[in-house]
Protein backbone atom coordinates (compact mmCIF):
# COMPACT_ATOMS: atom_id res chain seq x y z
CA MET A 1 -26.06 -5.21 16.68
CA PRO A 2 -27.29 -2.75 19.37
CA SER A 3 -26.50 0.88 18.54
CA ASN A 4 -24.78 1.37 21.92
CA HIS A 5 -22.54 -1.69 21.47
CA ILE A 6 -18.79 -1.06 21.72
CA LEU A 7 -17.37 -2.70 18.61
CA THR A 8 -14.44 -5.01 19.30
CA ALA A 9 -11.80 -5.24 16.61
CA ALA A 10 -8.46 -6.73 15.63
CA VAL A 11 -5.85 -4.93 13.55
CA ILE A 12 -3.72 -6.80 11.02
CA GLY A 13 -0.80 -4.50 10.29
CA THR A 14 -0.10 -2.10 13.15
CA GLY A 15 1.87 0.40 11.08
CA GLU A 16 0.98 3.94 10.02
CA ARG A 17 -2.73 3.48 9.31
CA GLY A 18 -3.40 0.57 11.65
CA ALA A 19 -1.83 2.14 14.73
CA ASN A 20 -1.84 5.89 14.15
CA VAL A 21 -5.30 6.21 12.60
CA TYR A 22 -7.56 3.30 13.54
CA GLY A 23 -5.77 2.45 16.76
CA ALA A 24 -5.73 6.13 17.72
CA PHE A 25 -9.49 6.36 17.09
CA ALA A 26 -10.08 3.51 19.53
CA LEU A 27 -8.02 5.26 22.19
CA THR A 28 -9.91 8.54 21.81
CA HIS A 29 -13.36 6.92 21.37
CA PRO A 30 -13.38 4.03 23.88
CA ASP A 31 -17.18 4.19 23.99
CA ARG A 32 -17.35 3.10 20.33
CA LEU A 33 -14.33 0.94 19.47
CA LYS A 34 -12.00 -1.38 21.41
CA MET A 35 -8.97 -3.13 19.94
CA VAL A 36 -8.68 -6.64 21.36
CA ALA A 37 -6.13 -8.35 19.09
CA CYS A 38 -3.29 -7.36 16.78
CA VAL A 39 -0.97 -8.80 14.15
CA ASN A 40 2.42 -7.57 13.00
CA ARG A 41 5.55 -9.44 12.01
CA THR A 42 7.70 -6.60 13.41
CA ALA A 43 7.95 -7.20 17.15
CA PHE A 44 8.32 -3.61 18.37
CA ARG A 45 5.27 -2.41 16.38
CA ARG A 46 3.18 -5.35 17.59
CA GLU A 47 4.26 -5.01 21.20
CA ARG A 48 3.78 -1.23 21.25
CA PHE A 49 0.25 -1.56 19.89
CA ALA A 50 -0.60 -4.32 22.36
CA ARG A 51 0.73 -2.23 25.22
CA GLN A 52 -1.26 0.85 24.16
CA HIS A 53 -4.51 -1.09 23.96
CA GLY A 54 -4.05 -3.53 26.83
CA ILE A 55 -4.01 -6.57 24.54
CA PRO A 56 -2.75 -9.74 26.29
CA PRO A 57 0.17 -11.73 24.76
CA GLU A 58 -2.10 -14.58 23.65
CA ARG A 59 -3.98 -12.15 21.39
CA SER A 60 -0.88 -10.53 19.92
CA PHE A 61 0.22 -12.44 16.82
CA ALA A 62 3.32 -12.39 14.64
CA THR A 63 1.54 -13.81 11.58
CA ASP A 64 -1.92 -13.61 10.08
CA ALA A 65 -1.96 -17.42 9.87
CA ASP A 66 -1.71 -17.67 13.67
CA PHE A 67 -4.41 -15.01 14.05
CA PHE A 68 -6.91 -16.73 11.78
CA ALA A 69 -6.15 -20.14 13.33
CA ALA A 70 -7.33 -18.74 16.68
CA GLY A 71 -10.88 -18.36 15.36
CA LYS A 72 -13.13 -15.32 15.61
CA LEU A 73 -11.83 -13.04 18.36
CA ALA A 74 -13.76 -9.82 17.70
CA ASP A 75 -16.64 -8.23 15.82
CA ALA A 76 -14.45 -6.70 13.11
CA VAL A 77 -10.96 -6.61 11.69
CA PHE A 78 -8.98 -3.71 10.24
CA ILE A 79 -6.69 -4.96 7.47
CA CYS A 80 -3.78 -2.56 6.95
CA THR A 81 -1.16 -4.73 5.26
CA MET A 82 0.59 -4.57 1.90
CA ASP A 83 -1.55 -4.67 -1.25
CA GLN A 84 -0.62 -8.22 -2.27
CA GLN A 85 -2.01 -9.62 1.00
CA HIS A 86 -5.42 -7.95 0.95
CA GLU A 87 -7.40 -10.49 -1.04
CA GLN A 88 -6.39 -13.58 0.93
CA GLN A 89 -6.67 -11.91 4.34
CA THR A 90 -10.07 -10.38 3.60
CA MET A 91 -11.50 -13.63 2.29
CA GLU A 92 -10.40 -15.47 5.44
CA ALA A 93 -11.77 -12.74 7.69
CA LEU A 94 -15.15 -12.70 5.97
CA ARG A 95 -15.47 -16.48 6.15
CA LEU A 96 -14.76 -16.38 9.89
CA GLY A 97 -17.62 -13.91 10.30
CA TYR A 98 -15.70 -10.65 10.72
CA HIS A 99 -16.91 -7.31 9.44
CA VAL A 100 -13.94 -5.88 7.53
CA PHE A 101 -12.42 -2.45 7.21
CA LEU A 102 -9.92 -2.89 4.38
CA GLU A 103 -7.26 -0.40 3.36
CA LYS A 104 -7.27 0.16 -0.38
CA PRO A 105 -6.80 -1.46 -2.78
CA ILE A 106 -9.32 -4.27 -2.40
CA ALA A 107 -6.94 -6.55 -4.31
CA VAL A 108 -4.21 -6.19 -6.93
CA THR A 109 -6.28 -7.80 -9.71
CA GLU A 110 -9.74 -7.16 -11.11
CA GLU A 111 -10.76 -10.78 -10.57
CA GLY A 112 -9.60 -10.67 -6.95
CA SER A 113 -11.42 -7.41 -6.27
CA ARG A 114 -14.69 -8.74 -7.67
CA LEU A 115 -14.27 -11.97 -5.69
CA VAL A 116 -13.81 -10.13 -2.38
CA VAL A 117 -16.88 -7.95 -2.92
CA ARG A 118 -19.01 -10.98 -3.86
CA GLU A 119 -17.83 -12.83 -0.77
CA ALA A 120 -18.79 -9.95 1.51
CA THR A 121 -22.29 -10.00 0.01
CA ARG A 122 -22.54 -13.78 0.38
CA CYS A 123 -21.41 -13.65 4.01
CA GLN A 124 -23.66 -10.64 4.75
CA ARG A 125 -20.76 -8.80 6.34
CA VAL A 126 -19.91 -5.11 6.14
CA LEU A 127 -16.91 -4.54 3.85
CA ASN A 128 -15.64 -0.97 4.11
CA ILE A 129 -12.80 0.23 1.90
CA GLY A 130 -10.44 2.96 3.15
CA LEU A 131 -11.28 5.52 0.44
CA VAL A 132 -11.12 8.31 2.96
CA LEU A 133 -11.66 11.29 0.64
CA ARG A 134 -15.44 10.78 0.56
CA TYR A 135 -15.39 11.68 4.24
CA SER A 136 -13.17 14.74 3.83
CA PRO A 137 -15.11 17.96 4.60
CA LEU A 138 -13.79 19.53 1.39
CA PHE A 139 -15.08 16.86 -0.97
CA ALA A 140 -18.28 16.49 1.07
CA THR A 141 -18.83 20.24 0.53
CA VAL A 142 -18.27 19.85 -3.22
CA LYS A 143 -20.80 16.99 -3.29
CA GLU A 144 -23.38 19.11 -1.44
CA ILE A 145 -22.94 21.96 -3.94
CA ILE A 146 -23.42 19.59 -6.89
CA ASP A 147 -26.46 17.89 -5.36
CA ALA A 148 -28.05 21.27 -4.63
CA GLY A 149 -28.04 22.00 -8.38
CA THR A 150 -25.79 25.04 -8.03
CA LEU A 151 -23.65 24.00 -11.01
CA GLY A 152 -26.57 22.84 -13.14
CA ASP A 153 -25.90 19.74 -15.24
CA LEU A 154 -22.29 18.67 -15.04
CA VAL A 155 -20.35 18.71 -18.31
CA SER A 156 -16.67 18.18 -17.52
CA VAL A 157 -14.32 17.54 -14.62
CA ARG A 158 -10.59 18.11 -14.39
CA SER A 159 -8.81 16.49 -11.44
CA SER A 160 -5.15 16.30 -10.52
CA GLU A 161 -3.17 14.70 -7.74
CA ASN A 162 0.10 16.52 -7.36
CA MET A 163 2.44 14.41 -5.27
CA GLY A 164 5.30 16.35 -3.77
CA THR A 165 8.70 15.18 -4.95
CA TRP A 166 9.49 14.12 -1.39
CA VAL A 167 6.26 12.07 -1.07
CA PHE A 168 6.99 10.34 -4.36
CA ALA A 169 10.58 9.56 -3.38
CA HIS A 170 9.55 8.19 0.00
CA SER A 171 6.62 5.98 -1.06
CA PHE A 172 7.16 5.19 -4.74
CA VAL A 173 10.94 5.04 -5.03
CA ARG A 174 12.56 4.06 -1.72
CA GLY A 175 9.42 2.78 -0.01
CA ASN A 176 6.90 -0.03 -0.10
CA TRP A 177 5.44 0.84 -3.51
CA GLY A 178 8.63 1.51 -5.45
CA ASN A 179 8.43 -1.74 -7.40
CA ILE A 180 5.17 -2.67 -9.16
CA ALA A 181 5.70 -6.45 -8.95
CA ARG A 182 6.18 -6.31 -5.18
CA SER A 183 3.18 -4.06 -4.55
CA SER A 184 0.84 -2.58 -7.18
CA HIS A 185 0.79 0.01 -9.92
CA MET A 186 0.72 3.63 -8.80
CA ILE A 187 -2.58 4.13 -10.63
CA ILE A 188 -4.40 1.81 -8.23
CA GLN A 189 -2.39 2.58 -5.10
CA LYS A 190 -3.02 6.34 -5.41
CA GLY A 191 -5.47 6.80 -8.27
CA CYS A 192 -8.25 4.69 -6.75
CA HIS A 193 -8.90 7.55 -4.28
CA ASP A 194 -9.45 10.05 -7.08
CA PHE A 195 -11.38 7.71 -9.35
CA ASP A 196 -13.69 7.00 -6.43
CA ILE A 197 -14.25 10.72 -5.84
CA LEU A 198 -14.97 11.24 -9.55
CA CYS A 199 -17.62 8.48 -9.53
CA TRP A 200 -19.18 9.95 -6.37
CA LEU A 201 -19.28 13.54 -7.62
CA VAL A 202 -20.42 12.72 -11.17
CA GLY A 203 -23.03 10.28 -9.84
CA SER A 204 -22.78 7.89 -12.77
CA PRO A 205 -20.88 4.70 -13.63
CA PRO A 206 -17.76 5.11 -15.81
CA GLU A 207 -17.92 3.71 -19.35
CA LEU A 208 -14.64 4.40 -21.16
CA ILE A 209 -11.10 5.15 -20.03
CA SER A 210 -7.71 5.71 -21.61
CA CYS A 211 -4.40 6.21 -19.83
CA THR A 212 -0.83 6.99 -20.76
CA THR A 213 2.24 7.15 -18.52
CA SER A 214 5.72 8.63 -18.60
CA PRO A 215 8.77 6.49 -17.79
CA PRO A 216 10.32 6.50 -14.31
CA ALA A 217 12.06 9.80 -13.60
CA LEU A 218 14.39 8.48 -10.91
CA SER A 219 16.39 5.55 -12.23
CA GLU A 220 19.92 4.58 -13.13
CA LYS A 221 19.54 6.38 -16.47
CA GLN A 222 19.20 9.74 -14.70
CA MET A 223 21.86 9.07 -12.06
CA PRO A 224 24.43 11.88 -11.77
CA PRO A 225 28.05 10.77 -12.14
CA GLY A 226 29.71 9.49 -9.02
CA ALA A 227 26.53 9.08 -6.97
CA PRO A 228 27.15 6.36 -4.33
CA PRO A 229 24.52 3.74 -3.36
CA ARG A 230 23.57 5.65 -0.19
CA CYS A 231 23.13 9.28 0.72
CA THR A 232 25.27 8.62 3.81
CA ASP A 233 28.24 7.45 1.69
CA GLY A 234 29.57 10.93 0.99
CA CYS A 235 27.71 11.85 -2.19
CA PRO A 236 29.32 14.71 -4.16
CA HIS A 237 25.84 15.94 -5.14
CA ALA A 238 24.42 16.05 -1.60
CA ALA A 239 24.17 19.84 -1.40
CA SER A 240 22.18 20.17 -4.62
CA CYS A 241 20.15 16.93 -4.68
CA ILE A 242 16.51 17.49 -3.71
CA TYR A 243 16.21 13.81 -2.73
CA GLU A 244 19.11 13.80 -0.25
CA ALA A 245 17.92 11.55 2.58
CA VAL A 246 19.56 13.20 5.59
CA ARG A 247 17.89 16.57 5.01
CA PHE A 248 14.63 14.76 4.37
CA TYR A 249 14.41 12.34 7.31
CA ARG A 250 16.57 13.96 9.96
CA ASP A 251 15.69 17.60 9.31
CA GLY A 252 12.28 17.40 7.62
CA THR A 253 13.33 20.05 5.10
CA PRO A 254 11.07 19.04 2.15
CA MET A 255 7.93 18.99 4.29
CA MET A 256 8.93 22.25 5.95
CA LEU A 257 9.30 23.85 2.51
CA ASP A 258 5.84 22.60 1.59
CA ILE A 259 4.21 23.87 4.78
CA ALA A 260 6.07 27.19 4.50
CA ARG A 261 3.94 27.87 1.40
CA SER A 262 0.88 27.99 3.65
CA GLU A 263 -1.64 30.80 3.20
CA ASN A 264 -1.74 30.99 7.00
CA VAL A 265 0.59 33.83 7.99
CA PHE A 266 1.50 32.31 11.37
CA VAL A 267 2.33 28.88 9.93
CA LYS A 268 4.27 30.39 7.03
CA GLY A 269 6.29 32.63 9.31
CA LEU A 270 7.04 29.87 11.83
CA PHE A 271 8.35 27.42 9.27
CA ARG A 272 10.33 29.99 7.29
CA THR A 273 11.97 31.05 10.55
CA ALA A 274 12.72 27.42 11.42
CA MET A 275 14.41 26.88 8.05
CA ARG A 276 16.47 30.04 8.37
CA TYR A 277 17.50 29.32 11.96
CA PRO A 278 17.64 25.50 12.18
CA ARG A 279 18.99 25.50 15.77
CA LEU A 280 15.76 27.17 16.79
CA VAL A 281 13.88 24.02 15.79
CA GLY A 282 15.68 22.04 18.50
CA ALA A 283 14.46 24.48 21.12
CA LEU A 284 10.94 24.62 19.73
CA VAL A 285 10.33 20.94 18.92
CA PRO A 286 8.49 20.05 22.19
CA PRO A 287 6.00 22.96 22.00
CA MET A 288 5.75 22.57 18.21
CA ARG A 289 4.90 18.90 18.64
CA SER A 290 2.18 19.82 21.14
CA LEU A 291 0.72 22.00 18.38
CA GLN A 292 0.93 19.01 16.00
CA ILE A 293 2.96 20.93 13.44
CA VAL A 294 6.07 18.77 13.30
CA PRO A 295 4.47 16.17 11.01
CA TRP A 296 7.70 14.64 9.68
CA ARG A 297 8.46 13.42 13.21
CA GLN A 298 5.49 11.13 12.66
CA TRP A 299 5.04 10.24 8.97
CA PRO A 300 7.37 9.57 7.20
CA VAL A 301 10.18 9.32 9.76
CA ASN A 302 8.31 6.69 11.77
CA HIS A 303 8.82 4.28 8.86
CA LEU A 304 12.52 4.14 9.68
CA GLY A 305 12.22 2.02 12.82
CA GLU A 306 11.82 2.11 16.57
CA ASP A 307 14.64 4.49 17.49
CA LEU A 308 13.81 7.94 16.11
CA SER A 309 16.56 9.83 17.92
CA GLU A 310 19.03 11.59 15.66
CA GLN A 311 21.44 8.69 16.13
CA GLY A 312 18.68 6.17 15.38
CA ILE A 313 17.63 8.00 12.23
CA MET A 314 21.20 8.14 10.93
CA ARG A 315 21.71 4.44 11.67
CA ALA A 316 18.50 3.61 9.75
CA LEU A 317 19.68 5.71 6.80
CA ARG A 318 23.02 3.90 6.74
CA GLU A 319 21.42 0.44 6.92
CA GLY A 320 17.81 0.57 5.68
CA PRO A 321 16.02 1.29 2.38
CA PHE A 322 15.24 4.94 3.10
CA GLY A 323 18.90 5.96 3.02
CA LYS A 324 19.40 4.66 -0.50
CA CYS A 325 20.15 7.01 -3.36
CA VAL A 326 16.93 7.33 -5.37
CA TYR A 327 18.90 6.50 -8.53
CA HIS A 328 20.14 3.22 -7.04
CA CYS A 329 16.70 1.79 -6.14
CA ASP A 330 14.83 -0.78 -8.24
CA ASN A 331 11.78 1.45 -8.63
CA ASP A 332 9.78 1.18 -11.84
CA GLN A 333 6.74 3.34 -11.09
CA PRO A 334 5.93 5.97 -13.75
CA ALA A 335 6.62 9.61 -13.01
CA SER A 336 3.13 10.56 -14.23
CA CYS A 337 -0.18 9.11 -15.43
CA ALA A 338 -2.65 11.03 -17.63
CA THR A 339 -6.19 9.64 -17.88
CA SER A 340 -9.33 10.49 -19.86
CA ILE A 341 -12.75 9.16 -18.79
CA ARG A 342 -16.32 9.20 -20.08
CA PHE A 343 -19.21 8.43 -17.74
CA ALA A 344 -22.54 6.87 -18.63
CA ASN A 345 -24.37 10.19 -18.15
CA GLY A 346 -22.13 11.87 -20.76
CA VAL A 347 -19.82 13.73 -18.36
CA THR A 348 -16.17 13.68 -19.40
CA ALA A 349 -13.23 13.88 -17.01
CA THR A 350 -9.47 14.04 -17.02
CA TYR A 351 -7.24 12.92 -14.17
CA THR A 352 -3.51 13.52 -13.84
CA LEU A 353 -1.36 11.79 -11.22
CA HIS A 354 2.32 12.68 -10.92
CA GLY A 355 5.18 12.80 -8.45
CA MET A 356 7.05 15.95 -9.44
CA SER A 357 5.08 18.68 -7.66
CA TYR A 358 6.55 21.56 -5.65
CA ARG A 359 3.60 21.16 -3.29
CA ASP A 360 1.71 18.05 -2.22
CA GLY A 361 -2.06 18.03 -2.73
CA ARG A 362 -5.00 17.92 -5.09
CA GLU A 363 -6.80 20.36 -7.38
CA LEU A 364 -10.26 20.04 -8.88
CA ARG A 365 -12.31 21.93 -11.47
CA ILE A 366 -15.91 21.08 -12.40
CA ASP A 367 -17.83 22.90 -15.16
CA GLY A 368 -21.60 22.77 -15.32
CA THR A 369 -24.35 24.47 -17.32
CA LYS A 370 -24.97 27.07 -14.57
CA ALA A 371 -21.63 27.53 -12.87
CA SER A 372 -18.05 26.31 -12.50
CA LEU A 373 -16.40 25.07 -9.32
CA THR A 374 -12.74 25.04 -8.36
CA ALA A 375 -11.28 23.39 -5.28
CA VAL A 376 -7.83 23.06 -3.77
CA PHE A 377 -6.85 20.39 -1.26
CA TYR A 378 -3.40 21.04 0.20
CA ASN A 379 -1.83 20.45 3.61
CA THR A 380 -2.33 24.09 4.48
CA ARG A 381 -5.24 25.16 2.31
CA PHE A 382 -8.75 23.81 1.82
CA CYS A 383 -11.18 25.95 -0.16
CA VAL A 384 -13.91 25.80 -2.81
CA GLY A 385 -14.70 28.52 -5.35
CA ILE A 386 -18.06 28.83 -7.15
CA HIS A 387 -18.22 30.95 -10.31
CA ASP A 388 -21.71 31.76 -11.63
CA HIS A 389 -22.14 31.91 -15.43
CA ALA A 390 -25.16 34.23 -15.41
CA THR A 391 -23.96 36.92 -13.00
CA GLY A 392 -20.23 36.58 -13.38
CA LYS A 393 -19.92 36.61 -9.61
CA SER A 394 -17.64 34.32 -7.64
CA ARG A 395 -17.69 33.26 -4.03
CA THR A 396 -15.27 31.24 -1.94
CA VAL A 397 -16.02 28.66 0.73
CA LYS A 398 -13.02 28.33 3.05
CA LEU A 399 -12.80 25.26 5.22
CA PRO A 400 -10.80 24.90 8.44
CA LEU A 401 -7.38 23.32 8.13
CA GLU A 402 -7.48 19.64 9.03
CA ARG A 403 -4.72 18.07 11.10
CA THR A 404 -5.33 14.46 10.09
CA ALA A 405 -4.45 12.70 6.85
CA GLY A 406 -7.19 12.39 4.30
CA GLY A 407 -8.14 16.04 4.79
CA GLY A 408 -10.02 15.38 8.00
CA GLY A 409 -11.71 12.21 6.81
CA ASP A 410 -9.91 9.66 9.00
CA ASP A 411 -12.15 9.79 12.07
CA ARG A 412 -15.26 10.20 9.94
CA ILE A 413 -14.61 7.10 7.84
CA VAL A 414 -14.17 4.98 10.98
CA GLN A 415 -17.41 6.39 12.36
CA GLY A 416 -19.08 5.52 9.05
CA PHE A 417 -17.85 1.93 9.36
CA LEU A 418 -19.09 1.64 12.94
CA ASP A 419 -22.48 3.06 11.96
CA ALA A 420 -22.75 0.58 9.09
CA VAL A 421 -21.96 -2.37 11.36
CA ALA A 422 -24.52 -1.08 13.88
CA GLY A 423 -27.13 -0.82 11.11
CA LYS A 424 -27.54 2.94 11.53
CA SER A 425 -26.58 3.97 7.99
CA PRO A 426 -24.73 2.49 5.01
CA SER A 427 -21.07 3.31 4.54
CA ARG A 428 -20.14 5.74 1.76
CA THR A 429 -17.28 3.42 0.83
CA ASP A 430 -18.79 -0.06 1.01
CA GLY A 431 -17.19 -2.69 -1.19
CA SER A 432 -19.73 -2.62 -4.01
CA GLU A 433 -19.48 1.16 -4.30
CA ALA A 434 -15.67 1.16 -4.05
CA LEU A 435 -15.39 -1.51 -6.74
CA TRP A 436 -16.10 1.03 -9.51
CA SER A 437 -12.89 2.94 -8.78
CA HIS A 438 -10.90 -0.29 -8.89
CA LEU A 439 -12.45 -1.32 -12.22
CA MET A 440 -11.34 2.06 -13.55
CA CYS A 441 -7.80 1.44 -12.31
CA PHE A 442 -7.53 -2.00 -13.88
CA ALA A 443 -8.97 -0.71 -17.17
CA ALA A 444 -6.43 2.14 -17.03
CA GLU A 445 -3.63 -0.43 -16.61
CA ARG A 446 -4.93 -2.32 -19.68
CA SER A 447 -4.97 0.96 -21.60
CA ILE A 448 -1.36 1.66 -20.63
CA GLN A 449 -0.33 -1.74 -21.96
CA SER A 450 -2.43 -1.68 -25.14
CA GLY A 451 -2.33 1.99 -26.00
CA GLN A 452 -6.09 1.85 -26.59
CA THR A 453 -9.22 3.12 -24.87
CA GLN A 454 -10.80 0.48 -22.64
CA ARG A 455 -14.46 -0.17 -21.79
CA ILE A 456 -15.35 -0.58 -18.13
CA GLU A 457 -17.80 -3.41 -17.50
CA ALA A 458 -19.93 -3.69 -14.34
């Protein structure tokens, strides 16, 4: 494909990632990517996407079956649907000749994941998995430091993903991934990102893994007395419950609390003022939105529906899943997962994933024979520390705050996909490379069930 070719693409699933990340990239980079077809069962999301991208009605589909029946309509397809649909949709797209950008996970089973990767190789199509952290400037900086030999030989890695309580409640209790049978286990839905980063940084295949989990923390067993099915039903615990839906979705309080912990004095002061004087937020919302610092008015509130006025939000909370009491949902995801890993080159690693953090983000520590590295990856702080064993000196690499999800990796991963399709350079997250993280996830699930360490086979 010529390097100056504008890639044409379809999007299956015009929700958060499909519309607000990949669709947005096409709108801001029309010289590189053009969306020419879309699929979504929800009419307003489908029609809004089609309108934004000038897609005619005959290329706007309510079902993936109708889309695939129309034949090959573009160079590539972005698949941004629920986990259970990925395998079937990707296989059909590859067989029609599409290059595929697939949101993780590849599939919800090990057999399905291997099958998809093999099919991409057989069809000689680019299969790019949405493991965006490899394209984040923070983790790219860590990789450069390791490859430069600054740490010496790596010995151990300690990684943690600290989901804010509000993120956990939204996605893994009330939201799409609250029930494992309907979606996938939290270890593959979230952990595949971190396992992928571990493989990339360590530079060696994983050999052994063990994983233990804690039981769900938000279930009927923990329900306070008298809690009604919905937060809008007059709950007697509303004032003290950290999961109360009205404060979360209408007011954005949990995210504001998180951002108010920023190391940036201006951001900290602005959000603390907004929480102390809530009426001020109403006056400041338009200019604040122009500064892109009212994130809850995008994700997660945009999951509620089309009408995001205060009246629309309250109606969605009274009628939809996001207004449910967290103790009345059918969620069965664990509150935490603790994992131990050994890689083929002898490096050992631990990874902790949990949903009870006061702040949403990731932390990393790597110890080598020459130096140690620490890194923090939060909404309002991105920095790397290097601590030399010989001199005892430390230095800090501060990175600019990133406004996009994935720590600034969203645009870069799309560019990587386009470059791979154009034959300029291979993607960092091609299917065969991404498969290792998935094999780790499935082995971790086996370890949870068996209580034993599992071997990871190529």
